[in-house]
N, C-alpha and C. Protein backbone atom coordinates (compact mmCIF):
# COMPACT_ATOMS: atom_id res chain seq x y z
N UNK A 1 1.08 -1.03 0.24
CA UNK A 1 0.07 0.06 0.09
C UNK A 1 0.93 1.32 0.01
N UNK A 2 1.69 1.20 0.72
CA UNK A 2 2.93 2.49 1.06
C UNK A 2 3.57 2.60 -0.39
N UNK A 3 3.88 1.47 -0.93
CA UNK A 3 4.54 1.58 -2.34
C UNK A 3 3.55 2.27 -3.36
N UNK A 4 2.54 1.89 -3.38
CA UNK A 4 1.26 2.54 -4.28
C UNK A 4 1.07 3.97 -3.99
N UNK A 5 0.95 4.41 -2.85
CA UNK A 5 1.09 5.71 -2.49
C UNK A 5 2.06 6.51 -3.11
N UNK A 6 3.23 6.28 -2.70
CA UNK A 6 4.41 6.74 -3.09
C UNK A 6 4.56 6.88 -4.73
N UNK A 7 4.12 5.57 -5.31
CA UNK A 7 4.19 5.58 -6.61
C UNK A 7 3.35 6.82 -7.30
N UNK A 8 2.18 7.25 -6.78
CA UNK A 8 1.37 7.86 -7.28
C UNK A 8 1.62 9.33 -6.98
N UNK A 9 2.14 9.66 -5.75
CA UNK A 9 2.71 10.65 -5.25
C UNK A 9 4.03 11.31 -6.11
N UNK A 10 4.90 10.21 -6.47
CA UNK A 10 5.61 10.33 -7.38
C UNK A 10 5.17 11.00 -8.80
N UNK A 11 4.20 10.29 -9.30
CA UNK A 11 3.60 10.46 -10.57
C UNK A 11 3.03 12.13 -10.73
N UNK A 12 2.37 12.42 -9.69
CA UNK A 12 1.65 13.85 -9.60
C UNK A 12 2.81 14.59 -9.53
N UNK A 13 3.78 14.66 -8.31
CA UNK A 13 4.87 15.67 -8.62
C UNK A 13 5.66 15.93 -9.73
N UNK A 14 5.90 14.74 -10.36
CA UNK A 14 6.79 15.07 -11.62
C UNK A 14 5.87 15.13 -12.73
N UNK A 15 4.60 15.66 -12.65
CA UNK A 15 4.16 15.87 -13.88
C UNK A 15 3.47 14.61 -14.66
N UNK A 16 3.26 13.26 -14.23
CA UNK A 16 2.73 12.48 -15.17
C UNK A 16 3.89 11.82 -15.83
N UNK A 17 5.00 11.79 -14.94
CA UNK A 17 6.34 11.24 -15.69
C UNK A 17 5.95 9.65 -15.64
N UNK A 18 6.59 8.81 -16.34
CA UNK A 18 6.15 7.40 -16.61
C UNK A 18 6.40 6.64 -15.25
N UNK A 19 5.55 5.60 -15.14
CA UNK A 19 5.60 4.83 -13.81
C UNK A 19 6.90 4.23 -13.51
N UNK A 20 7.49 3.80 -14.74
CA UNK A 20 8.85 2.84 -14.49
C UNK A 20 10.14 4.01 -13.87
N UNK A 21 9.85 5.14 -14.22
CA UNK A 21 10.79 6.05 -13.68
C UNK A 21 10.57 6.31 -12.20
N UNK A 22 9.18 6.30 -11.80
CA UNK A 22 8.68 6.49 -10.23
C UNK A 22 9.04 5.25 -9.64
N UNK A 23 9.09 4.22 -10.21
CA UNK A 23 8.96 2.85 -9.70
C UNK A 23 10.72 2.79 -9.05
N UNK A 24 11.64 3.33 -10.22
CA UNK A 24 12.67 3.20 -9.92
C UNK A 24 12.91 4.25 -8.61
N UNK A 25 12.66 5.31 -8.61
CA UNK A 25 12.57 6.34 -7.32
C UNK A 25 12.47 5.70 -6.00
N UNK A 26 11.11 5.01 -6.16
CA UNK A 26 10.20 4.59 -4.73
C UNK A 26 11.16 3.45 -4.52
N UNK A 27 11.97 2.71 -5.15
CA UNK A 27 12.67 1.49 -4.79
C UNK A 27 13.94 1.90 -4.11
N UNK A 28 14.40 3.17 -4.58
CA UNK A 28 15.51 3.81 -3.94
C UNK A 28 15.14 4.44 -2.23
N UNK A 29 14.05 4.47 -2.35
CA UNK A 29 13.73 5.23 -0.75
C UNK A 29 14.28 4.33 0.40
N UNK A 30 13.99 3.19 0.40
CA UNK A 30 14.51 2.35 1.48
C UNK A 30 16.07 2.63 1.93
N UNK A 31 16.90 2.12 1.00
CA UNK A 31 18.45 2.34 1.24
C UNK A 31 18.69 3.62 1.58
N UNK A 32 18.01 4.88 0.72
CA UNK A 32 18.55 6.13 0.91
C UNK A 32 17.96 6.47 2.54
N UNK A 33 16.91 6.17 3.10
CA UNK A 33 16.68 6.32 3.90
C UNK A 33 17.58 5.56 5.11
N UNK A 34 17.76 4.65 4.69
CA UNK A 34 18.88 3.56 5.93
C UNK A 34 20.25 4.56 5.95
N UNK A 35 20.73 5.07 4.66
CA UNK A 35 22.08 5.76 4.79
C UNK A 35 21.57 7.08 5.28
N UNK A 36 20.73 7.58 5.45
CA UNK A 36 20.45 9.13 5.93
C UNK A 36 20.45 8.91 7.52
N UNK A 37 19.98 7.85 8.04
CA UNK A 37 19.84 7.63 9.38
C UNK A 37 21.16 7.33 9.76
N UNK A 38 21.92 6.64 8.95
CA UNK A 38 23.26 6.38 9.65
C UNK A 38 24.15 7.69 9.41
N UNK A 39 24.08 8.58 8.76
CA UNK A 39 24.84 9.94 8.52
C UNK A 39 24.36 10.47 9.71
N UNK A 40 22.86 10.53 9.89
CA UNK A 40 22.57 11.50 11.22
C UNK A 40 23.06 10.73 12.48
N UNK A 41 23.70 9.36 12.72
CA UNK A 41 24.05 8.89 13.73
C UNK A 41 25.43 9.50 13.85
N UNK A 42 26.29 9.43 12.77
CA UNK A 42 27.36 9.97 12.42
C UNK A 42 27.52 11.44 12.84
N UNK A 43 26.60 12.04 12.47
CA UNK A 43 26.68 13.63 13.10
C UNK A 43 26.55 13.76 14.30
N UNK A 44 25.67 12.79 14.95
CA UNK A 44 25.46 13.12 16.23
C UNK A 44 26.81 12.75 17.12
N UNK A 45 27.72 11.72 16.75
CA UNK A 45 28.70 11.44 17.62
C UNK A 45 29.85 12.32 17.41
N UNK A 46 29.91 13.15 15.98
CA UNK A 46 30.79 13.96 15.88
C UNK A 46 30.33 15.17 16.69
N UNK A 47 29.09 15.73 16.78
CA UNK A 47 28.88 16.95 17.63
C UNK A 47 28.98 16.58 18.81
N UNK A 48 28.87 15.26 19.67
CA UNK A 48 28.99 14.92 20.98
C UNK A 48 30.73 14.64 21.32
N UNK A 49 31.33 15.07 20.44
CA UNK A 49 32.86 14.52 20.44
C UNK A 49 33.45 13.27 20.53
N UNK A 50 32.50 12.61 20.14
CA UNK A 50 32.92 10.80 20.18
C UNK A 50 33.57 10.60 18.87
N UNK A 51 34.89 11.40 18.77
CA UNK A 51 35.62 10.99 17.64
C UNK A 51 36.17 9.65 17.28
N UNK A 52 36.48 9.05 18.16
CA UNK A 52 36.72 7.54 17.78
C UNK A 52 35.94 6.59 17.46
N UNK A 53 34.48 6.95 18.16
CA UNK A 53 33.31 5.94 17.84
C UNK A 53 32.90 6.48 16.66
N UNK A 54 32.92 7.75 16.16
CA UNK A 54 32.62 8.16 14.76
C UNK A 54 33.56 7.39 13.55
N UNK A 55 34.80 7.48 13.84
CA UNK A 55 35.80 7.24 12.99
C UNK A 55 35.36 5.51 12.77
N UNK A 56 35.18 4.79 13.87
CA UNK A 56 35.01 3.39 13.72
C UNK A 56 33.62 2.92 13.21
N UNK A 57 32.83 3.81 13.41
CA UNK A 57 31.15 3.55 13.05
C UNK A 57 31.56 3.73 11.49
N UNK A 58 32.17 4.61 10.85
CA UNK A 58 32.43 5.17 9.36
C UNK A 58 32.77 3.48 8.85
N UNK A 59 33.66 2.91 9.37
CA UNK A 59 34.23 1.64 8.95
C UNK A 59 33.45 0.71 8.96
N UNK A 60 32.81 0.30 10.25
CA UNK A 60 31.85 -0.85 10.34
C UNK A 60 30.55 -0.80 9.38
N UNK A 61 30.04 0.35 9.32
CA UNK A 61 28.99 0.66 8.70
C UNK A 61 29.17 0.56 7.15
N UNK A 62 30.35 0.70 6.78
CA UNK A 62 30.86 0.92 5.46
C UNK A 62 30.01 2.07 4.70
N UNK A 63 30.37 3.10 5.50
CA UNK A 63 29.72 4.55 4.77
C UNK A 63 30.26 4.97 3.57
N UNK A 64 29.74 5.43 2.78
CA UNK A 64 30.29 6.05 1.47
C UNK A 64 31.10 7.04 1.84
N UNK A 65 32.46 7.34 1.09
CA UNK A 65 33.14 7.91 1.33
C UNK A 65 32.51 9.47 1.00
N UNK A 66 31.88 9.58 0.03
CA UNK A 66 31.54 10.98 -0.91
C UNK A 66 30.43 11.17 0.43
N UNK A 67 29.57 10.67 0.72
CA UNK A 67 28.53 11.12 1.85
C UNK A 67 29.27 11.36 2.88
N UNK A 68 30.33 10.72 3.45
CA UNK A 68 30.96 10.91 4.98
C UNK A 68 31.69 12.38 4.58
N UNK A 69 32.22 12.73 3.54
CA UNK A 69 32.87 13.84 3.44
C UNK A 69 31.92 14.85 3.36
N UNK A 70 30.84 14.81 2.86
CA UNK A 70 29.76 15.95 2.91
C UNK A 70 29.38 16.36 4.58
N UNK A 71 29.53 14.95 5.29
CA UNK A 71 29.04 15.25 6.68
C UNK A 71 29.92 16.02 7.52
N UNK A 72 31.28 15.79 7.14
CA UNK A 72 32.55 16.18 7.94
C UNK A 72 32.94 17.37 7.34
N UNK A 73 32.50 18.08 6.25
CA UNK A 73 33.16 19.18 5.71
C UNK A 73 32.63 20.29 6.55
N UNK A 74 31.36 20.28 7.02
CA UNK A 74 30.83 21.48 7.75
C UNK A 74 31.71 21.71 9.17
N UNK A 75 31.61 20.47 10.00
CA UNK A 75 32.84 21.11 11.15
C UNK A 75 34.02 21.15 10.96
N UNK A 76 34.41 20.49 9.87
CA UNK A 76 35.94 20.91 9.37
C UNK A 76 36.13 22.32 9.11
N UNK A 77 35.10 22.84 8.41
CA UNK A 77 35.31 24.48 7.95
C UNK A 77 35.27 25.29 9.09
N UNK A 78 34.74 24.78 10.03
CA UNK A 78 34.22 25.63 11.54
C UNK A 78 35.29 25.63 12.02
N UNK A 79 36.18 24.70 12.02
CA UNK A 79 37.25 24.60 12.86
C UNK A 79 37.69 23.55 13.77
N UNK A 80 36.73 22.53 13.40
CA UNK A 80 36.80 21.10 14.44
C UNK A 80 37.81 20.36 13.67
N UNK A 81 39.21 20.47 14.71
CA UNK A 81 40.49 19.51 14.42
C UNK A 81 40.14 18.03 13.87
N UNK A 82 39.27 17.35 14.90
CA UNK A 82 39.19 15.73 14.35
C UNK A 82 38.53 15.75 13.19
N UNK A 83 37.71 16.39 12.89
CA UNK A 83 36.64 16.28 11.72
C UNK A 83 37.79 16.63 10.45
N UNK A 84 38.60 17.65 10.58
CA UNK A 84 39.38 17.67 9.46
C UNK A 84 40.39 16.56 8.98
N UNK A 85 40.86 15.83 10.17
CA UNK A 85 41.54 14.71 10.01
C UNK A 85 40.77 13.44 9.39
N UNK A 86 39.55 13.33 9.79
CA UNK A 86 38.93 12.49 9.16
C UNK A 86 38.30 12.61 7.80
N UNK A 87 38.03 14.04 7.57
CA UNK A 87 37.90 14.72 6.02
C UNK A 87 39.20 14.43 5.21
N UNK A 88 40.19 14.45 5.60
CA UNK A 88 41.33 14.25 4.88
C UNK A 88 41.30 12.83 4.70
N UNK A 89 40.89 12.15 5.62
CA UNK A 89 40.96 10.45 5.32
C UNK A 89 40.01 9.95 4.12
N UNK A 90 38.94 10.73 4.15
CA UNK A 90 37.74 10.24 3.28
C UNK A 90 38.34 10.67 1.90
N UNK A 91 38.80 11.86 1.70
CA UNK A 91 39.18 12.19 0.36
C UNK A 91 40.43 11.60 -0.04
N UNK A 92 41.14 11.07 0.70
CA UNK A 92 42.27 10.03 0.42
C UNK A 92 41.43 8.99 -0.11
N UNK A 93 40.41 8.34 0.50
CA UNK A 93 39.96 7.03 -0.11
C UNK A 93 39.32 7.47 -1.60
N UNK A 94 38.87 8.75 -1.65
CA UNK A 94 38.10 9.01 -2.98
C UNK A 94 39.33 9.27 -3.90
N UNK A 95 40.67 9.26 -3.80
CA UNK A 95 41.96 9.48 -4.56
C UNK A 95 41.59 11.10 -4.98
N UNK A 96 41.29 11.80 -3.98
CA UNK A 96 41.32 13.43 -4.42
C UNK A 96 42.49 13.83 -3.63
N UNK A 97 43.64 13.71 -4.04
CA UNK A 97 44.65 13.61 -3.06
C UNK A 97 45.22 14.98 -2.69
N UNK A 98 44.87 15.84 -3.78
CA UNK A 98 45.31 17.51 -3.15
C UNK A 98 44.17 18.15 -2.19
N UNK A 99 42.87 17.80 -2.35
CA UNK A 99 42.12 17.88 -1.21
C UNK A 99 42.25 17.11 0.16
N UNK A 100 42.96 15.99 0.16
CA UNK A 100 43.62 15.15 0.98
C UNK A 100 44.59 16.08 1.56
N UNK A 101 45.30 16.21 1.04
CA UNK A 101 46.59 16.78 1.26
C UNK A 101 46.17 18.35 2.02
N UNK A 102 45.32 18.73 1.53
CA UNK A 102 44.90 20.45 2.00
C UNK A 102 44.42 20.30 3.33
N UNK A 103 43.46 19.25 3.62
CA UNK A 103 42.83 18.85 5.20
C UNK A 103 43.90 18.28 5.83
N UNK A 104 44.86 17.36 5.31
CA UNK A 104 45.76 17.15 6.49
C UNK A 104 46.71 17.90 7.03
N UNK A 105 47.22 18.82 6.32
CA UNK A 105 48.01 20.01 6.89
C UNK A 105 47.15 21.01 7.49
N UNK A 106 46.01 21.37 7.14
CA UNK A 106 45.08 22.00 8.08
C UNK A 106 44.95 21.20 9.38
N UNK A 107 44.73 20.00 9.44
CA UNK A 107 44.31 19.12 10.79
C UNK A 107 45.85 19.26 11.52
N UNK A 108 46.93 19.03 10.80
CA UNK A 108 48.22 19.15 11.55
C UNK A 108 48.35 20.18 11.98
N UNK A 109 48.03 21.58 11.44
CA UNK A 109 48.49 22.94 12.01
C UNK A 109 47.14 22.97 13.28
N UNK A 110 46.08 22.56 12.92
CA UNK A 110 45.07 22.80 14.00
C UNK A 110 45.30 22.03 15.13
N UNK A 111 45.72 20.77 14.90
CA UNK A 111 46.14 19.77 16.22
C UNK A 111 47.42 20.67 17.28
N UNK A 112 48.23 21.12 16.27
CA UNK A 112 49.23 22.07 17.09
C UNK A 112 48.95 23.13 17.93
N UNK A 113 47.90 23.82 16.96
CA UNK A 113 47.39 25.14 17.94
C UNK A 113 46.61 24.64 19.12
N UNK A 114 45.63 23.86 18.94
CA UNK A 114 44.84 23.25 19.89
C UNK A 114 45.45 22.81 21.15
N UNK A 115 46.67 22.14 20.87
CA UNK A 115 47.34 21.56 21.84
C UNK A 115 48.11 22.69 22.77
N UNK A 116 48.32 23.87 21.88
CA UNK A 116 49.08 25.01 22.75
C UNK A 116 47.73 25.73 23.42
N UNK A 117 46.61 25.51 23.50
CA UNK A 117 45.47 26.30 23.84
C UNK A 117 45.25 25.57 25.38
N UNK A 118 45.88 24.29 25.45
CA UNK A 118 45.77 23.59 26.84
C UNK A 118 46.41 24.03 27.96
N UNK A 119 45.90 24.27 29.05
CA UNK A 119 46.72 24.33 30.15
C UNK A 119 47.68 23.84 30.74
N UNK A 120 47.70 22.21 30.61
CA UNK A 120 48.44 21.17 30.40
C UNK A 120 49.17 21.14 29.29
N UNK A 121 50.58 21.31 29.22
CA UNK A 121 51.23 21.69 27.70
C UNK A 121 51.83 20.23 27.57
N UNK A 122 51.69 19.15 28.00
CA UNK A 122 52.12 17.93 27.75
C UNK A 122 50.98 17.42 26.69
N UNK A 123 50.07 18.24 26.19
CA UNK A 123 49.17 17.94 25.24
C UNK A 123 49.75 17.85 24.11
N UNK A 124 50.73 18.53 23.83
CA UNK A 124 51.63 18.89 22.56
C UNK A 124 52.53 17.62 22.22
N UNK A 125 52.58 16.83 23.27
CA UNK A 125 53.26 15.46 23.16
C UNK A 125 52.41 14.32 22.57
N UNK A 126 50.87 14.98 22.15
CA UNK A 126 50.04 13.87 21.63
C UNK A 126 50.19 14.04 20.10
N UNK A 127 50.75 14.93 19.27
CA UNK A 127 50.80 15.25 18.39
C UNK A 127 51.37 13.92 17.50
N UNK A 128 52.39 13.62 17.91
CA UNK A 128 52.86 12.34 17.09
C UNK A 128 52.01 11.11 17.19
N UNK A 129 51.10 11.03 18.12
CA UNK A 129 50.31 9.73 18.20
C UNK A 129 49.08 9.88 17.28
N UNK A 130 48.53 11.23 17.18
CA UNK A 130 47.43 11.72 16.36
C UNK A 130 47.92 11.51 14.82
N UNK A 131 49.14 12.06 14.58
CA UNK A 131 49.62 12.07 13.29
C UNK A 131 49.62 10.65 12.84
N UNK A 132 50.17 9.55 13.47
CA UNK A 132 50.48 8.13 13.10
C UNK A 132 49.11 7.47 13.16
N UNK A 133 48.23 8.13 13.71
CA UNK A 133 46.89 7.41 13.37
C UNK A 133 46.24 7.60 11.92
N UNK A 134 46.82 8.48 11.26
CA UNK A 134 46.17 8.91 10.16
C UNK A 134 47.57 8.86 9.02
N UNK A 135 48.43 7.89 9.40
CA UNK A 135 49.61 8.08 8.79
C UNK A 135 49.67 7.95 7.17
N UNK A 136 48.39 6.91 6.61
CA UNK A 136 48.47 6.84 5.05
C UNK A 136 47.99 8.14 4.36
N UNK A 137 47.16 9.12 4.98
CA UNK A 137 47.20 10.64 4.37
C UNK A 137 48.24 11.52 4.58
N UNK A 138 48.88 11.08 5.77
CA UNK A 138 50.25 12.04 6.10
C UNK A 138 51.33 11.86 5.09
N UNK A 139 51.43 10.33 5.05
CA UNK A 139 52.61 10.09 3.86
C UNK A 139 52.10 10.27 2.40
N UNK A 140 50.77 10.36 1.96
CA UNK A 140 50.63 10.76 0.80
C UNK A 140 50.56 12.33 0.61
N UNK A 141 50.08 12.82 1.26
CA UNK A 141 50.20 14.46 1.36
C UNK A 141 51.80 14.97 1.63
N UNK A 142 52.79 14.19 1.71
CA UNK A 142 54.21 14.77 1.61
C UNK A 142 54.87 14.12 0.46
N UNK A 143 54.19 13.30 -0.71
CA UNK A 143 54.81 12.79 -1.51
C UNK A 143 55.05 13.68 -2.74
N UNK A 144 54.38 14.42 -3.07
CA UNK A 144 54.42 15.67 -4.00
C UNK A 144 54.76 16.99 -3.58
N UNK A 145 56.00 17.23 -3.96
CA UNK A 145 56.12 18.70 -3.18
C UNK A 145 55.29 19.82 -3.82
N UNK A 146 54.80 19.88 -4.97
CA UNK A 146 53.92 20.83 -5.32
C UNK A 146 52.33 20.77 -4.50
N UNK A 147 51.99 19.65 -4.55
CA UNK A 147 50.76 19.16 -3.68
C UNK A 147 50.97 19.68 -2.29
N UNK A 148 52.10 19.20 -1.78
CA UNK A 148 52.48 19.74 -0.44
C UNK A 148 52.64 21.38 -0.25
N UNK A 149 52.74 22.01 -1.12
CA UNK A 149 53.43 23.43 -0.81
C UNK A 149 51.94 24.16 -1.13
N UNK A 150 51.27 23.59 -1.83
CA UNK A 150 49.74 23.97 -2.11
C UNK A 150 48.65 23.90 -0.89
N UNK A 151 48.83 22.60 -0.33
CA UNK A 151 48.51 22.16 0.93
C UNK A 151 48.99 23.20 2.08
N UNK A 152 50.04 23.67 2.17
CA UNK A 152 50.37 24.15 3.04
C UNK A 152 49.74 25.64 3.23
N UNK A 153 50.02 26.10 2.08
CA UNK A 153 49.15 27.66 1.85
C UNK A 153 47.74 27.50 2.17
N UNK A 154 47.02 26.41 1.92
CA UNK A 154 45.66 26.31 2.08
C UNK A 154 45.45 26.12 3.77
N UNK A 155 46.50 25.46 4.30
CA UNK A 155 46.28 25.20 5.94
C UNK A 155 46.48 26.44 6.35
N UNK A 156 47.38 27.25 6.36
CA UNK A 156 47.39 28.55 7.03
C UNK A 156 46.47 29.68 6.35
N UNK A 157 46.05 29.77 5.21
CA UNK A 157 44.82 30.40 5.10
C UNK A 157 43.56 30.17 5.85
N UNK A 158 43.01 28.58 5.73
CA UNK A 158 41.90 28.27 6.51
C UNK A 158 42.16 28.41 8.20
N UNK A 159 43.29 28.27 8.60
CA UNK A 159 43.56 28.41 10.32
C UNK A 159 43.26 29.91 10.41
N UNK A 160 44.11 30.71 9.60
CA UNK A 160 43.52 32.18 9.99
C UNK A 160 42.08 32.55 9.89
N UNK A 161 41.25 31.76 9.02
CA UNK A 161 40.00 32.31 8.89
C UNK A 161 38.78 31.79 9.88
N UNK A 162 39.44 30.80 10.81
CA UNK A 162 38.72 30.32 11.79
C UNK A 162 38.56 30.96 12.96
N UNK A 163 37.35 31.37 13.44
CA UNK A 163 37.19 32.19 14.58
C UNK A 163 38.01 31.86 15.72
N UNK A 164 38.78 32.73 16.49
CA UNK A 164 39.33 32.42 17.53
C UNK A 164 38.65 32.17 18.79
N UNK A 165 37.37 32.77 18.53
CA UNK A 165 36.34 32.69 19.78
C UNK A 165 35.78 31.38 19.66
N UNK A 166 35.38 30.89 18.59
CA UNK A 166 34.53 29.63 18.64
C UNK A 166 35.63 28.30 18.28
N UNK A 167 36.87 28.48 18.60
CA UNK A 167 37.97 27.42 18.32
C UNK A 167 37.70 26.90 19.71
N UNK A 168 37.72 25.13 19.52
CA UNK A 168 37.30 24.41 20.59
C UNK A 168 38.25 23.20 20.67
N UNK A 169 39.26 23.46 21.69
CA UNK A 169 40.51 22.23 22.01
C UNK A 169 40.09 21.29 22.79
N UNK A 170 38.80 21.21 23.24
CA UNK A 170 38.20 20.36 24.25
C UNK A 170 38.75 18.70 24.10
N UNK A 171 38.82 18.50 22.95
CA UNK A 171 39.18 17.09 22.25
C UNK A 171 40.54 16.69 22.67
N UNK A 172 41.67 17.67 22.52
CA UNK A 172 42.95 17.17 22.67
C UNK A 172 43.23 17.59 24.33
N UNK A 173 42.55 18.82 24.86
CA UNK A 173 42.87 18.95 26.33
C UNK A 173 42.39 18.13 27.40
N UNK A 174 41.33 17.64 26.83
CA UNK A 174 40.41 16.56 27.71
C UNK A 174 41.51 15.42 28.04
N UNK A 175 42.42 14.84 27.13
CA UNK A 175 43.34 13.88 27.29
C UNK A 175 44.25 13.87 28.40
N UNK A 176 44.59 15.24 28.55
CA UNK A 176 45.69 15.49 29.84
C UNK A 176 45.47 16.32 30.72
N UNK A 177 44.00 16.63 30.89
CA UNK A 177 43.74 17.27 32.11
C UNK A 177 43.59 16.72 33.47
N UNK A 178 44.00 17.81 34.60
CA UNK A 178 44.34 16.99 35.67
C UNK A 178 43.23 17.49 36.49
N UNK A 179 42.81 17.02 37.54
CA UNK A 179 41.63 17.83 38.47
C UNK A 179 42.17 18.91 39.04
N UNK A 180 43.36 19.15 39.27
CA UNK A 180 43.84 20.59 39.92
C UNK A 180 44.23 21.49 38.88
N UNK A 181 43.88 21.48 37.63
CA UNK A 181 43.96 22.36 36.63
C UNK A 181 43.01 22.55 36.08
N UNK A 182 43.10 23.86 35.38
CA UNK A 182 41.80 24.29 34.45
C UNK A 182 42.14 23.60 33.16
N UNK A 183 41.13 23.20 31.97
CA UNK A 183 41.68 22.92 30.80
C UNK A 183 42.40 23.62 29.97
N UNK A 184 42.12 24.95 30.02
CA UNK A 184 42.35 26.04 28.97
C UNK A 184 43.18 26.89 29.34
N UNK A 185 44.18 27.36 28.71
CA UNK A 185 44.82 28.60 28.93
C UNK A 185 44.03 29.80 29.16
N UNK A 186 44.51 30.91 29.51
CA UNK A 186 43.67 32.21 29.92
C UNK A 186 43.17 32.66 28.68
N UNK A 187 41.64 33.17 28.27
CA UNK A 187 41.44 33.43 27.36
C UNK A 187 42.34 34.90 26.55
N UNK A 188 43.09 35.54 27.63
CA UNK A 188 43.90 36.60 27.29
C UNK A 188 45.08 36.39 26.48
N UNK A 189 45.34 35.04 26.46
CA UNK A 189 46.46 34.69 25.98
C UNK A 189 46.25 33.75 24.67
N UNK A 190 44.77 33.43 24.47
CA UNK A 190 44.54 32.69 23.30
C UNK A 190 44.96 33.21 22.34
N UNK A 191 44.38 34.60 21.52
CA UNK A 191 44.69 34.96 20.21
C UNK A 191 46.17 35.22 19.94
N UNK A 192 47.05 35.34 20.94
CA UNK A 192 48.38 35.74 20.98
C UNK A 192 48.97 34.32 20.49
N UNK A 193 48.58 33.06 21.36
CA UNK A 193 48.93 31.87 20.87
C UNK A 193 48.72 31.41 19.58
N UNK A 194 47.35 31.49 19.17
CA UNK A 194 46.90 31.25 17.82
C UNK A 194 47.70 31.70 16.85
N UNK A 195 47.87 32.63 16.74
CA UNK A 195 48.73 33.87 16.06
C UNK A 195 50.22 33.09 15.91
N UNK A 196 50.79 33.09 16.96
CA UNK A 196 52.24 32.56 16.99
C UNK A 196 52.18 31.35 16.50
N UNK A 197 51.39 30.46 16.60
CA UNK A 197 51.54 29.11 16.11
C UNK A 197 51.45 29.11 14.53
N UNK A 198 50.53 30.11 14.08
CA UNK A 198 50.36 30.00 12.49
C UNK A 198 51.52 30.57 11.81
N UNK A 199 52.25 31.76 12.79
CA UNK A 199 53.29 32.49 11.82
C UNK A 199 54.44 31.43 11.99
N UNK A 200 54.59 30.51 13.29
CA UNK A 200 55.67 29.81 13.27
C UNK A 200 55.63 28.68 12.25
N UNK A 201 54.73 28.42 11.68
CA UNK A 201 54.12 27.11 11.25
C UNK A 201 54.35 27.71 9.64
N UNK A 202 54.29 29.08 9.21
CA UNK A 202 54.57 29.44 7.90
C UNK A 202 55.81 29.76 7.69
N UNK A 203 56.56 29.93 8.68
CA UNK A 203 58.25 30.58 8.53
C UNK A 203 58.69 29.04 8.62
N UNK A 204 58.81 27.98 9.36
CA UNK A 204 59.35 26.82 8.79
C UNK A 204 58.80 26.36 7.57
N UNK A 205 57.83 26.57 7.02
CA UNK A 205 57.33 25.92 5.89
C UNK A 205 57.94 26.66 4.68
N UNK A 206 58.12 27.79 4.89
CA UNK A 206 58.75 28.84 3.88
C UNK A 206 60.53 28.63 3.93
N UNK A 207 61.03 28.24 4.86
CA UNK A 207 62.36 27.78 5.37
C UNK A 207 62.81 26.47 4.28
N UNK A 208 62.07 25.54 4.69
CA UNK A 208 61.95 24.19 4.24
C UNK A 208 61.73 24.08 2.73
N UNK A 209 61.29 25.04 2.17
CA UNK A 209 60.77 24.94 0.73
C UNK A 209 61.69 26.14 -0.35
N UNK A 210 62.95 26.75 0.59
CA UNK A 210 63.64 27.44 -0.22
C UNK A 210 64.84 26.72 -0.88
């Protein structure tokens, strides 16, 4: 009965288009709805800061990289560093290597900045572990000097455009937080630290490319 109703509705909405076309459209409803529900769950994991769970869920549910990258792009552009790492990984799977490199370097710089925003500075020691977790994308991003240089420029520009006030380093600061300490550095130091890390990254990159 539901199939017939959808078939009639499809025909009406599409102005009398053939039933065969509508039948194909209706047959796709179930799998599309299932994917939409899974992507909603993925979005929830990301919004809740459950990044390890989100990454595992992508693999276990065999979510298509194209759809996953669309979900991840919004938080990545807004400055969510773990989403940047995962977005780079999805672009790598799609063989979009320049895009993957762009977000790999943006995530790397974001990780460095976020770690410096933690009151407990041992957070900076976590960079290597995070990078190794995305080893394939990192190694690919470093293969082509031209791709790498373009990615570095993209990373610097992107990080400069991220709102300092909305930047959230909770994901990495919470890994090293001690009960006796506040999680973040004082807000009065935040802007200086962010600008300094971007400037240092730019200087080192320019020196290495001479």
